[in-house]
Amino acid sequence: DVINASFGACYPGSNDCRLAVLLDAQNLENGSAGTLSWECGGSPTEVDGVVDGGTLSFQGVVLTDQSTCTLAATATDLAGQEAESGPITVHLDRMAPVISGFVSLPDALSYLYDEDAGEEGLQYTPKARVGGLEAGQDVTIRYGLLGEVPQEESVTVEDAIPDGTTRTITFPRLTLPNGAVRLSVITGDAAGNTATLSR
């Protein structure tokens, strides 16, 4: 399983996933005690929980971003019988890719930027700087007149672009119509985090 930036159970305000872990405990009486343990590449951490209304709740769990975490739970009912759940493994990637901007894209594309005046429309090769993507991820550019259905072209990232770095992606040459044109770059990483930039 993957926990990305859109995972709703994580409290806002941190790249790490801070959350409450809730386990189905229909067979345990209210007041039964449990312990959740987890480790994300470092020393194991534990937190205690209590069953209430058929749910065993553990508060204050913190799963470290950019790591793989293993979680396991144990519980004891009021008669002293023990139960276990897990272990399960989740990978955390809550850092979205980055599209830092178009490269050398003026506010207005005139005939001075036409790469082939002999072709109909304006021929232009857009570039954008992107980062935080694994090899094999697509970067897509959508283009067209405002209010109309856009066309699109995609480029596949050949070598990984690590978080915190960017690289220039060159798209195929586009034929742009006269008028107000919107260019949008869209991408996503392997964990499902997305980024969009429009001009």
N, C-alpha and C. Protein backbone atom coordinates (compact mmCIF):
# COMPACT_ATOMS: atom_id res chain seq x y z
N ASP A 1 0.84 -1.20 0.00
CA ASP A 1 0.00 0.00 0.00
C ASP A 1 0.87 1.25 0.00
N VAL A 2 0.32 2.35 -0.52
CA VAL A 2 1.04 3.61 -0.62
C VAL A 2 0.23 4.70 0.06
N ILE A 3 0.90 5.52 0.84
CA ILE A 3 0.30 6.71 1.44
C ILE A 3 0.91 7.92 0.74
N ASN A 4 0.08 8.66 -0.01
CA ASN A 4 0.57 9.83 -0.72
C ASN A 4 0.00 11.10 -0.11
N ALA A 5 0.19 12.23 -0.80
CA ALA A 5 -0.21 13.52 -0.24
C ALA A 5 -1.71 13.67 -0.11
N SER A 6 -2.48 12.89 -0.87
CA SER A 6 -3.94 13.01 -0.83
C SER A 6 -4.59 12.03 0.14
N PHE A 7 -3.80 11.25 0.87
CA PHE A 7 -4.35 10.27 1.80
C PHE A 7 -5.09 10.99 2.91
N GLY A 8 -6.41 10.80 2.98
CA GLY A 8 -7.25 11.63 3.84
C GLY A 8 -7.09 11.41 5.32
N ALA A 9 -6.52 10.28 5.74
CA ALA A 9 -6.42 10.00 7.17
C ALA A 9 -5.28 10.77 7.85
N CYS A 10 -4.35 11.32 7.05
CA CYS A 10 -3.22 12.05 7.63
C CYS A 10 -3.67 13.46 8.01
N TYR A 11 -3.29 13.90 9.21
CA TYR A 11 -3.61 15.26 9.62
C TYR A 11 -2.80 16.24 8.78
N PRO A 12 -3.38 17.41 8.45
CA PRO A 12 -2.65 18.39 7.63
C PRO A 12 -1.52 19.05 8.41
N GLY A 13 -0.59 19.64 7.65
CA GLY A 13 0.46 20.45 8.27
C GLY A 13 1.81 19.79 8.37
N SER A 14 1.96 18.59 7.82
CA SER A 14 3.25 17.91 7.92
C SER A 14 3.42 16.98 6.74
N ASN A 15 4.66 16.84 6.25
CA ASN A 15 4.94 15.83 5.23
C ASN A 15 4.83 14.43 5.79
N ASP A 16 5.25 14.25 7.05
CA ASP A 16 5.04 12.96 7.70
C ASP A 16 3.54 12.74 7.87
N CYS A 17 3.12 11.49 7.93
CA CYS A 17 1.71 11.18 8.10
C CYS A 17 1.42 11.01 9.59
N ARG A 18 0.74 12.00 10.15
CA ARG A 18 0.30 11.93 11.55
C ARG A 18 -1.17 11.55 11.53
N LEU A 19 -1.51 10.45 12.21
CA LEU A 19 -2.87 9.94 12.08
C LEU A 19 -3.26 9.12 13.29
N ALA A 20 -4.55 8.81 13.36
CA ALA A 20 -5.07 7.83 14.31
C ALA A 20 -5.32 6.54 13.55
N VAL A 21 -4.86 5.44 14.10
CA VAL A 21 -5.07 4.13 13.49
C VAL A 21 -6.25 3.47 14.19
N LEU A 22 -7.28 3.08 13.42
CA LEU A 22 -8.49 2.48 13.95
C LEU A 22 -8.61 1.05 13.43
N LEU A 23 -8.77 0.09 14.33
CA LEU A 23 -8.88 -1.31 13.96
C LEU A 23 -10.25 -1.85 14.38
N ASP A 24 -10.80 -2.70 13.53
CA ASP A 24 -12.06 -3.35 13.85
C ASP A 24 -11.83 -4.33 14.99
N ALA A 25 -12.60 -4.16 16.06
CA ALA A 25 -12.42 -5.01 17.25
C ALA A 25 -13.78 -5.46 17.77
N GLN A 26 -14.64 -5.95 16.87
CA GLN A 26 -15.99 -6.34 17.24
C GLN A 26 -16.01 -7.48 18.26
N ASN A 27 -14.96 -8.29 18.27
CA ASN A 27 -14.94 -9.44 19.18
C ASN A 27 -14.28 -9.12 20.52
N LEU A 28 -13.92 -7.86 20.73
CA LEU A 28 -13.29 -7.46 21.99
C LEU A 28 -14.22 -6.55 22.77
N GLU A 29 -14.25 -6.75 24.09
CA GLU A 29 -15.13 -5.95 24.93
C GLU A 29 -14.59 -4.53 25.07
N ASN A 30 -15.51 -3.60 25.35
CA ASN A 30 -15.08 -2.23 25.66
C ASN A 30 -14.12 -2.27 26.85
N GLY A 31 -13.06 -1.49 26.73
CA GLY A 31 -12.06 -1.45 27.78
C GLY A 31 -10.91 -2.40 27.57
N SER A 32 -11.00 -3.29 26.58
CA SER A 32 -9.86 -4.17 26.26
C SER A 32 -8.70 -3.32 25.78
N ALA A 33 -7.49 -3.72 26.15
CA ALA A 33 -6.30 -2.93 25.85
C ALA A 33 -5.56 -3.49 24.64
N GLY A 34 -4.87 -2.60 23.92
CA GLY A 34 -4.06 -3.03 22.78
C GLY A 34 -2.82 -2.19 22.66
N THR A 35 -1.89 -2.68 21.86
CA THR A 35 -0.64 -1.96 21.60
C THR A 35 -0.37 -2.00 20.10
N LEU A 36 -0.06 -0.84 19.52
CA LEU A 36 0.36 -0.75 18.13
C LEU A 36 1.85 -0.46 18.10
N SER A 37 2.59 -1.23 17.32
CA SER A 37 4.02 -0.97 17.14
C SER A 37 4.28 -0.72 15.67
N TRP A 38 5.20 0.20 15.39
CA TRP A 38 5.58 0.46 13.99
C TRP A 38 7.02 0.92 13.93
N GLU A 39 7.62 0.69 12.78
CA GLU A 39 8.97 1.19 12.53
C GLU A 39 9.07 1.58 11.07
N CYS A 40 9.77 2.68 10.85
CA CYS A 40 9.92 3.24 9.51
C CYS A 40 11.39 3.36 9.14
N GLY A 41 12.12 2.29 9.38
CA GLY A 41 13.54 2.29 9.07
C GLY A 41 14.42 2.61 10.25
N GLY A 42 13.81 2.96 11.39
CA GLY A 42 14.58 3.25 12.59
C GLY A 42 14.15 2.35 13.73
N SER A 43 14.22 2.88 14.94
CA SER A 43 13.82 2.09 16.11
C SER A 43 12.30 1.97 16.17
N PRO A 44 11.78 0.82 16.60
CA PRO A 44 10.33 0.65 16.71
C PRO A 44 9.72 1.63 17.72
N THR A 45 8.48 2.03 17.45
CA THR A 45 7.73 2.92 18.33
C THR A 45 6.44 2.22 18.70
N GLU A 46 5.97 2.42 19.94
CA GLU A 46 4.74 1.80 20.39
C GLU A 46 3.80 2.84 20.98
N VAL A 47 2.50 2.56 20.85
CA VAL A 47 1.48 3.39 21.48
C VAL A 47 0.36 2.47 21.94
N ASP A 48 -0.23 2.79 23.07
CA ASP A 48 -1.30 1.97 23.62
C ASP A 48 -2.66 2.49 23.18
N GLY A 49 -3.62 1.59 23.11
CA GLY A 49 -4.98 1.95 22.74
C GLY A 49 -5.99 1.16 23.54
N VAL A 50 -7.26 1.59 23.43
CA VAL A 50 -8.35 0.96 24.17
C VAL A 50 -9.52 0.75 23.23
N VAL A 51 -10.23 -0.39 23.42
CA VAL A 51 -11.40 -0.69 22.61
C VAL A 51 -12.60 0.09 23.14
N ASP A 52 -13.33 0.71 22.21
CA ASP A 52 -14.57 1.41 22.56
C ASP A 52 -15.53 1.27 21.38
N GLY A 53 -16.68 0.67 21.63
CA GLY A 53 -17.69 0.53 20.58
C GLY A 53 -17.24 -0.33 19.42
N GLY A 54 -16.45 -1.34 19.68
CA GLY A 54 -16.01 -2.24 18.63
C GLY A 54 -14.83 -1.74 17.82
N THR A 55 -14.22 -0.64 18.25
CA THR A 55 -13.06 -0.09 17.54
C THR A 55 -11.90 0.06 18.50
N LEU A 56 -10.75 -0.45 18.09
CA LEU A 56 -9.52 -0.28 18.86
C LEU A 56 -8.77 0.90 18.26
N SER A 57 -8.61 1.97 19.03
CA SER A 57 -8.06 3.23 18.53
C SER A 57 -6.67 3.49 19.08
N PHE A 58 -5.79 3.89 18.18
CA PHE A 58 -4.44 4.29 18.57
C PHE A 58 -4.22 5.72 18.08
N GLN A 59 -3.96 6.62 18.99
CA GLN A 59 -3.76 8.03 18.65
C GLN A 59 -2.27 8.38 18.61
N GLY A 60 -1.96 9.44 17.86
CA GLY A 60 -0.58 9.96 17.87
C GLY A 60 0.42 9.14 17.08
N VAL A 61 -0.04 8.41 16.08
CA VAL A 61 0.87 7.63 15.24
C VAL A 61 1.51 8.55 14.21
N VAL A 62 2.82 8.46 14.07
CA VAL A 62 3.56 9.29 13.10
C VAL A 62 4.36 8.37 12.19
N LEU A 63 4.01 8.36 10.90
CA LEU A 63 4.72 7.57 9.90
C LEU A 63 5.59 8.50 9.07
N THR A 64 6.86 8.19 8.95
CA THR A 64 7.85 9.08 8.34
C THR A 64 7.74 9.07 6.81
N ASP A 65 7.68 10.29 6.25
CA ASP A 65 7.61 10.41 4.79
C ASP A 65 8.89 9.87 4.15
N GLN A 66 8.76 9.43 2.90
CA GLN A 66 9.88 8.88 2.12
C GLN A 66 10.50 7.66 2.79
N SER A 67 9.63 6.82 3.37
CA SER A 67 10.13 5.60 3.99
C SER A 67 9.10 4.50 3.82
N THR A 68 9.51 3.29 4.15
CA THR A 68 8.61 2.14 4.18
C THR A 68 8.41 1.75 5.64
N CYS A 69 7.15 1.69 6.07
CA CYS A 69 6.83 1.45 7.47
C CYS A 69 6.11 0.11 7.63
N THR A 70 6.43 -0.57 8.72
CA THR A 70 5.77 -1.82 9.08
C THR A 70 5.01 -1.63 10.38
N LEU A 71 3.73 -2.03 10.37
CA LEU A 71 2.87 -1.85 11.55
C LEU A 71 2.29 -3.20 11.96
N ALA A 72 2.14 -3.38 13.29
CA ALA A 72 1.52 -4.59 13.83
C ALA A 72 0.83 -4.22 15.14
N ALA A 73 -0.27 -4.89 15.42
CA ALA A 73 -1.04 -4.59 16.64
C ALA A 73 -1.32 -5.87 17.41
N THR A 74 -1.38 -5.74 18.72
CA THR A 74 -1.81 -6.82 19.60
C THR A 74 -2.89 -6.26 20.53
N ALA A 75 -3.76 -7.14 20.99
CA ALA A 75 -4.82 -6.73 21.92
C ALA A 75 -5.12 -7.87 22.87
N THR A 76 -5.62 -7.52 24.04
CA THR A 76 -5.98 -8.51 25.05
C THR A 76 -7.38 -8.20 25.56
N ASP A 77 -8.28 -9.19 25.50
CA ASP A 77 -9.64 -8.93 25.98
C ASP A 77 -9.68 -9.01 27.50
N LEU A 78 -10.86 -8.77 28.05
CA LEU A 78 -10.98 -8.70 29.51
C LEU A 78 -10.78 -10.05 30.19
N ALA A 79 -10.84 -11.13 29.41
CA ALA A 79 -10.59 -12.47 29.95
C ALA A 79 -9.12 -12.85 29.83
N GLY A 80 -8.29 -11.97 29.25
CA GLY A 80 -6.88 -12.25 29.13
C GLY A 80 -6.47 -12.94 27.86
N GLN A 81 -7.41 -13.10 26.92
CA GLN A 81 -7.08 -13.74 25.65
C GLN A 81 -6.48 -12.72 24.69
N GLU A 82 -5.44 -13.13 23.98
CA GLU A 82 -4.71 -12.21 23.11
C GLU A 82 -5.12 -12.39 21.65
N ALA A 83 -5.03 -11.28 20.91
CA ALA A 83 -5.29 -11.30 19.47
C ALA A 83 -4.22 -10.45 18.80
N GLU A 84 -3.94 -10.75 17.52
CA GLU A 84 -2.92 -10.02 16.78
C GLU A 84 -3.47 -9.56 15.43
N SER A 85 -2.90 -8.49 14.92
CA SER A 85 -3.23 -8.00 13.58
C SER A 85 -1.95 -7.52 12.92
N GLY A 86 -1.74 -7.94 11.65
CA GLY A 86 -0.51 -7.56 10.96
C GLY A 86 0.55 -8.63 11.08
N PRO A 87 1.77 -8.29 10.68
CA PRO A 87 2.20 -6.94 10.27
C PRO A 87 1.75 -6.58 8.85
N ILE A 88 1.61 -5.28 8.63
CA ILE A 88 1.38 -4.75 7.29
C ILE A 88 2.49 -3.76 6.96
N THR A 89 2.73 -3.58 5.67
CA THR A 89 3.79 -2.67 5.22
C THR A 89 3.18 -1.61 4.31
N VAL A 90 3.52 -0.35 4.55
CA VAL A 90 3.07 0.75 3.71
C VAL A 90 4.28 1.60 3.31
N HIS A 91 4.24 2.11 2.09
CA HIS A 91 5.28 3.03 1.62
C HIS A 91 4.72 4.44 1.62
N LEU A 92 5.49 5.38 2.15
CA LEU A 92 5.06 6.78 2.21
C LEU A 92 5.83 7.61 1.21
N ASP A 93 5.08 8.29 0.35
CA ASP A 93 5.63 9.31 -0.55
C ASP A 93 4.60 10.42 -0.62
N ARG A 94 4.76 11.42 0.23
CA ARG A 94 3.80 12.52 0.33
C ARG A 94 4.35 13.81 -0.28
N MET A 95 5.44 13.68 -1.02
CA MET A 95 6.05 14.84 -1.67
C MET A 95 5.67 14.84 -3.14
N ALA A 96 4.89 15.85 -3.52
CA ALA A 96 4.42 15.93 -4.91
C ALA A 96 5.56 16.31 -5.84
N PRO A 97 5.48 15.89 -7.10
CA PRO A 97 6.47 16.36 -8.07
C PRO A 97 6.35 17.86 -8.25
N VAL A 98 7.35 18.44 -8.89
CA VAL A 98 7.42 19.90 -9.05
C VAL A 98 7.48 20.23 -10.54
N ILE A 99 6.70 21.22 -10.94
CA ILE A 99 6.85 21.84 -12.26
C ILE A 99 7.21 23.29 -11.98
N SER A 100 8.50 23.62 -12.06
CA SER A 100 8.96 24.93 -11.59
C SER A 100 8.70 26.04 -12.59
N GLY A 101 8.42 25.68 -13.86
CA GLY A 101 8.09 26.72 -14.83
C GLY A 101 8.39 26.30 -16.25
N PHE A 102 7.82 27.07 -17.17
CA PHE A 102 8.19 26.92 -18.57
C PHE A 102 9.56 27.55 -18.79
N VAL A 103 10.27 27.08 -19.78
CA VAL A 103 11.59 27.61 -20.10
C VAL A 103 11.47 28.56 -21.29
N SER A 104 11.83 29.82 -21.06
CA SER A 104 11.89 30.83 -22.13
C SER A 104 10.58 30.96 -22.90
N LEU A 105 9.47 30.92 -22.16
CA LEU A 105 8.15 31.10 -22.79
C LEU A 105 7.71 32.54 -22.60
N PRO A 106 7.63 33.33 -23.67
CA PRO A 106 7.23 34.73 -23.54
C PRO A 106 5.73 34.84 -23.28
N ASP A 107 5.31 36.03 -22.88
CA ASP A 107 3.88 36.26 -22.65
C ASP A 107 3.09 36.18 -23.94
N ALA A 108 3.73 36.55 -25.05
CA ALA A 108 3.05 36.50 -26.35
C ALA A 108 3.98 35.83 -27.35
N LEU A 109 3.47 34.82 -28.03
CA LEU A 109 4.23 34.13 -29.07
C LEU A 109 3.88 34.75 -30.42
N SER A 110 4.82 35.47 -31.00
CA SER A 110 4.61 36.10 -32.30
C SER A 110 5.34 35.32 -33.38
N TYR A 111 5.30 35.83 -34.60
CA TYR A 111 5.99 35.18 -35.71
C TYR A 111 7.48 35.07 -35.47
N LEU A 112 8.01 35.90 -34.56
CA LEU A 112 9.44 35.83 -34.27
C LEU A 112 9.84 34.50 -33.64
N TYR A 113 8.86 33.81 -33.06
CA TYR A 113 9.13 32.53 -32.40
C TYR A 113 8.72 31.34 -33.26
N ASP A 114 8.24 31.60 -34.47
CA ASP A 114 7.79 30.53 -35.36
C ASP A 114 9.00 29.75 -35.87
N GLU A 115 9.05 28.47 -35.56
CA GLU A 115 10.20 27.65 -35.93
C GLU A 115 10.14 27.14 -37.36
N ASP A 116 9.00 27.30 -38.01
CA ASP A 116 8.88 26.91 -39.42
C ASP A 116 7.76 27.74 -40.04
N ALA A 117 8.13 28.89 -40.59
CA ALA A 117 7.15 29.81 -41.14
C ALA A 117 6.42 29.24 -42.35
N GLY A 118 6.97 28.18 -42.94
CA GLY A 118 6.33 27.58 -44.10
C GLY A 118 5.15 26.69 -43.76
N GLU A 119 5.00 26.36 -42.47
CA GLU A 119 3.90 25.52 -42.03
C GLU A 119 2.75 26.38 -41.51
N GLU A 120 1.53 25.87 -41.65
CA GLU A 120 0.36 26.59 -41.15
C GLU A 120 0.39 26.64 -39.63
N GLY A 121 -0.05 27.77 -39.07
CA GLY A 121 0.00 27.95 -37.63
C GLY A 121 1.40 28.33 -37.18
N LEU A 122 1.56 28.45 -35.88
CA LEU A 122 2.86 28.81 -35.31
C LEU A 122 3.52 27.55 -34.77
N GLN A 123 4.70 27.25 -35.26
CA GLN A 123 5.43 26.06 -34.84
C GLN A 123 6.33 26.42 -33.65
N TYR A 124 6.12 25.73 -32.52
CA TYR A 124 6.87 26.09 -31.31
C TYR A 124 7.15 24.84 -30.49
N THR A 125 8.37 24.75 -29.97
CA THR A 125 8.79 23.62 -29.14
C THR A 125 8.85 24.07 -27.68
N PRO A 126 7.85 23.72 -26.87
CA PRO A 126 7.85 24.15 -25.46
C PRO A 126 8.77 23.28 -24.60
N LYS A 127 9.26 23.90 -23.54
CA LYS A 127 10.09 23.21 -22.57
C LYS A 127 9.61 23.59 -21.17
N ALA A 128 9.77 22.67 -20.23
CA ALA A 128 9.41 22.95 -18.84
C ALA A 128 10.39 22.24 -17.92
N ARG A 129 10.59 22.83 -16.75
CA ARG A 129 11.46 22.21 -15.75
C ARG A 129 10.60 21.46 -14.74
N VAL A 130 10.94 20.17 -14.55
CA VAL A 130 10.17 19.33 -13.64
C VAL A 130 11.12 18.58 -12.71
N GLY A 131 10.59 18.12 -11.59
CA GLY A 131 11.41 17.38 -10.63
C GLY A 131 10.55 16.47 -9.78
N GLY A 132 11.21 15.57 -9.05
CA GLY A 132 10.52 14.65 -8.16
C GLY A 132 9.78 13.55 -8.89
N LEU A 133 10.38 13.03 -9.96
CA LEU A 133 9.73 11.99 -10.77
C LEU A 133 10.63 10.77 -10.93
N GLU A 134 10.00 9.61 -10.91
CA GLU A 134 10.74 8.38 -11.15
C GLU A 134 10.88 8.16 -12.66
N ALA A 135 11.85 7.36 -13.03
CA ALA A 135 11.99 6.98 -14.44
C ALA A 135 10.72 6.26 -14.89
N GLY A 136 10.30 6.57 -16.09
CA GLY A 136 9.10 5.94 -16.63
C GLY A 136 7.83 6.73 -16.45
N GLN A 137 7.87 7.84 -15.68
CA GLN A 137 6.67 8.67 -15.50
C GLN A 137 6.50 9.61 -16.69
N ASP A 138 5.26 9.90 -17.02
CA ASP A 138 4.96 10.77 -18.15
C ASP A 138 4.77 12.22 -17.71
N VAL A 139 5.22 13.13 -18.56
CA VAL A 139 4.94 14.55 -18.41
C VAL A 139 4.15 14.96 -19.65
N THR A 140 2.97 15.52 -19.46
CA THR A 140 2.05 15.81 -20.56
C THR A 140 1.85 17.31 -20.69
N ILE A 141 1.82 17.79 -21.93
CA ILE A 141 1.45 19.17 -22.19
C ILE A 141 0.14 19.18 -22.96
N ARG A 142 -0.81 19.98 -22.48
CA ARG A 142 -2.08 20.18 -23.16
C ARG A 142 -2.09 21.60 -23.72
N TYR A 143 -2.62 21.75 -24.92
CA TYR A 143 -2.57 23.05 -25.56
C TYR A 143 -3.80 23.24 -26.46
N GLY A 144 -4.24 24.48 -26.56
CA GLY A 144 -5.38 24.77 -27.41
C GLY A 144 -5.96 26.12 -27.07
N LEU A 145 -6.88 26.58 -27.91
CA LEU A 145 -7.54 27.85 -27.67
C LEU A 145 -8.41 27.77 -26.42
N LEU A 146 -8.48 28.89 -25.71
CA LEU A 146 -9.32 28.94 -24.51
C LEU A 146 -10.76 28.59 -24.88
N GLY A 147 -11.37 27.73 -24.08
CA GLY A 147 -12.74 27.35 -24.32
C GLY A 147 -12.92 26.18 -25.25
N GLU A 148 -11.85 25.69 -25.85
CA GLU A 148 -11.94 24.54 -26.74
C GLU A 148 -11.25 23.32 -26.12
N VAL A 149 -11.58 22.15 -26.62
CA VAL A 149 -10.97 20.92 -26.12
C VAL A 149 -9.50 20.90 -26.51
N PRO A 150 -8.59 20.77 -25.54
CA PRO A 150 -7.17 20.84 -25.88
C PRO A 150 -6.66 19.55 -26.51
N GLN A 151 -5.55 19.69 -27.22
CA GLN A 151 -4.78 18.54 -27.67
C GLN A 151 -3.67 18.29 -26.65
N GLU A 152 -2.98 17.17 -26.76
CA GLU A 152 -1.90 16.90 -25.81
C GLU A 152 -0.80 16.06 -26.43
N GLU A 153 0.38 16.24 -25.86
CA GLU A 153 1.56 15.44 -26.19
C GLU A 153 2.23 15.05 -24.87
N SER A 154 2.87 13.89 -24.85
CA SER A 154 3.52 13.42 -23.63
C SER A 154 4.97 13.03 -23.89
N VAL A 155 5.78 13.19 -22.86
CA VAL A 155 7.18 12.78 -22.88
C VAL A 155 7.40 11.90 -21.66
N THR A 156 8.11 10.80 -21.81
CA THR A 156 8.41 9.90 -20.70
C THR A 156 9.78 10.22 -20.12
N VAL A 157 9.84 10.33 -18.80
CA VAL A 157 11.10 10.59 -18.11
C VAL A 157 11.97 9.34 -18.19
N GLU A 158 13.14 9.48 -18.78
CA GLU A 158 14.02 8.31 -18.96
C GLU A 158 14.82 7.99 -17.71
N ASP A 159 15.32 9.01 -17.04
CA ASP A 159 16.10 8.82 -15.82
C ASP A 159 15.43 9.56 -14.68
N ALA A 160 15.43 8.97 -13.50
CA ALA A 160 14.77 9.58 -12.34
C ALA A 160 15.28 10.99 -12.08
N ILE A 161 14.35 11.85 -11.67
CA ILE A 161 14.69 13.21 -11.26
C ILE A 161 14.37 13.30 -9.77
N PRO A 162 15.37 13.22 -8.89
CA PRO A 162 15.10 13.13 -7.45
C PRO A 162 14.38 14.36 -6.91
N ASP A 163 13.68 14.15 -5.79
CA ASP A 163 13.07 15.28 -5.09
C ASP A 163 14.13 16.32 -4.77
N GLY A 164 13.76 17.59 -4.93
CA GLY A 164 14.70 18.66 -4.65
C GLY A 164 15.55 19.08 -5.83
N THR A 165 15.41 18.37 -6.96
CA THR A 165 16.14 18.74 -8.17
C THR A 165 15.13 18.88 -9.31
N THR A 166 15.53 19.59 -10.36
CA THR A 166 14.69 19.71 -11.55
C THR A 166 15.52 19.48 -12.80
N ARG A 167 14.81 19.17 -13.88
CA ARG A 167 15.46 18.95 -15.16
C ARG A 167 14.55 19.49 -16.25
N THR A 168 15.14 19.97 -17.33
CA THR A 168 14.34 20.49 -18.43
C THR A 168 13.82 19.35 -19.29
N ILE A 169 12.50 19.36 -19.50
CA ILE A 169 11.83 18.41 -20.38
C ILE A 169 11.46 19.14 -21.67
N THR A 170 11.82 18.57 -22.81
CA THR A 170 11.49 19.16 -24.10
C THR A 170 10.36 18.35 -24.74
N PHE A 171 9.28 19.03 -25.07
CA PHE A 171 8.14 18.38 -25.69
C PHE A 171 8.30 18.38 -27.21
N PRO A 172 7.52 17.56 -27.90
CA PRO A 172 7.53 17.63 -29.36
C PRO A 172 7.08 19.02 -29.84
N ARG A 173 7.50 19.39 -31.03
CA ARG A 173 7.10 20.68 -31.57
C ARG A 173 5.58 20.71 -31.78
N LEU A 174 4.96 21.79 -31.36
CA LEU A 174 3.51 21.94 -31.45
C LEU A 174 3.15 22.90 -32.57
N THR A 175 1.97 22.71 -33.12
CA THR A 175 1.39 23.68 -34.04
C THR A 175 0.31 24.43 -33.29
N LEU A 176 0.57 25.70 -32.99
CA LEU A 176 -0.35 26.50 -32.18
C LEU A 176 -1.20 27.38 -33.08
N PRO A 177 -2.50 27.46 -32.82
CA PRO A 177 -3.38 28.30 -33.62
C PRO A 177 -3.25 29.76 -33.20
N ASN A 178 -3.73 30.65 -34.05
CA ASN A 178 -3.80 32.06 -33.69
C ASN A 178 -4.88 32.26 -32.63
N GLY A 179 -4.61 33.16 -31.69
CA GLY A 179 -5.59 33.45 -30.65
C GLY A 179 -5.01 33.22 -29.27
N ALA A 180 -5.90 33.25 -28.27
CA ALA A 180 -5.50 33.06 -26.87
C ALA A 180 -5.36 31.57 -26.59
N VAL A 181 -4.14 31.11 -26.44
CA VAL A 181 -3.84 29.69 -26.26
C VAL A 181 -3.41 29.43 -24.83
N ARG A 182 -3.93 28.36 -24.25
CA ARG A 182 -3.50 27.94 -22.92
C ARG A 182 -2.59 26.73 -23.05
N LEU A 183 -1.44 26.79 -22.36
CA LEU A 183 -0.53 25.66 -22.27
C LEU A 183 -0.55 25.15 -20.83
N SER A 184 -0.76 23.87 -20.66
CA SER A 184 -0.78 23.27 -19.32
C SER A 184 0.12 22.06 -19.30
N VAL A 185 0.98 21.98 -18.29
CA VAL A 185 1.85 20.83 -18.09
C VAL A 185 1.32 20.05 -16.89
N ILE A 186 1.16 18.74 -17.05
CA ILE A 186 0.61 17.88 -16.01
C ILE A 186 1.52 16.68 -15.84
N THR A 187 1.77 16.30 -14.60
CA THR A 187 2.57 15.10 -14.36
C THR A 187 2.17 14.49 -13.02
N GLY A 188 2.64 13.27 -12.79
CA GLY A 188 2.39 12.59 -11.53
C GLY A 188 3.48 11.58 -11.25
N ASP A 189 3.76 11.35 -9.96
CA ASP A 189 4.79 10.36 -9.62
C ASP A 189 4.17 8.99 -9.42
N ALA A 190 4.99 8.01 -9.11
CA ALA A 190 4.52 6.63 -9.00
C ALA A 190 3.58 6.43 -7.83
N ALA A 191 3.61 7.33 -6.84
CA ALA A 191 2.73 7.21 -5.69
C ALA A 191 1.37 7.86 -5.93
N GLY A 192 1.21 8.51 -7.07
CA GLY A 192 -0.07 9.16 -7.37
C GLY A 192 -0.13 10.63 -7.02
N ASN A 193 0.98 11.21 -6.55
CA ASN A 193 1.02 12.66 -6.33
C ASN A 193 1.10 13.36 -7.68
N THR A 194 0.39 14.48 -7.82
CA THR A 194 0.32 15.16 -9.11
C THR A 194 0.75 16.61 -9.00
N ALA A 195 1.05 17.19 -10.16
CA ALA A 195 1.40 18.62 -10.26
C ALA A 195 0.91 19.15 -11.61
N THR A 196 0.50 20.41 -11.61
CA THR A 196 0.01 21.05 -12.84
C THR A 196 0.50 22.49 -12.86
N LEU A 197 0.85 22.96 -14.05
CA LEU A 197 1.23 24.36 -14.26
C LEU A 197 0.63 24.82 -15.58
N SER A 198 -0.03 25.98 -15.57
CA SER A 198 -0.67 26.49 -16.78
C SER A 198 -0.22 27.92 -17.04
N ARG A 199 -0.16 28.25 -18.33
CA ARG A 199 0.11 29.61 -18.81
C ARG A 199 -0.88 29.96 -19.90
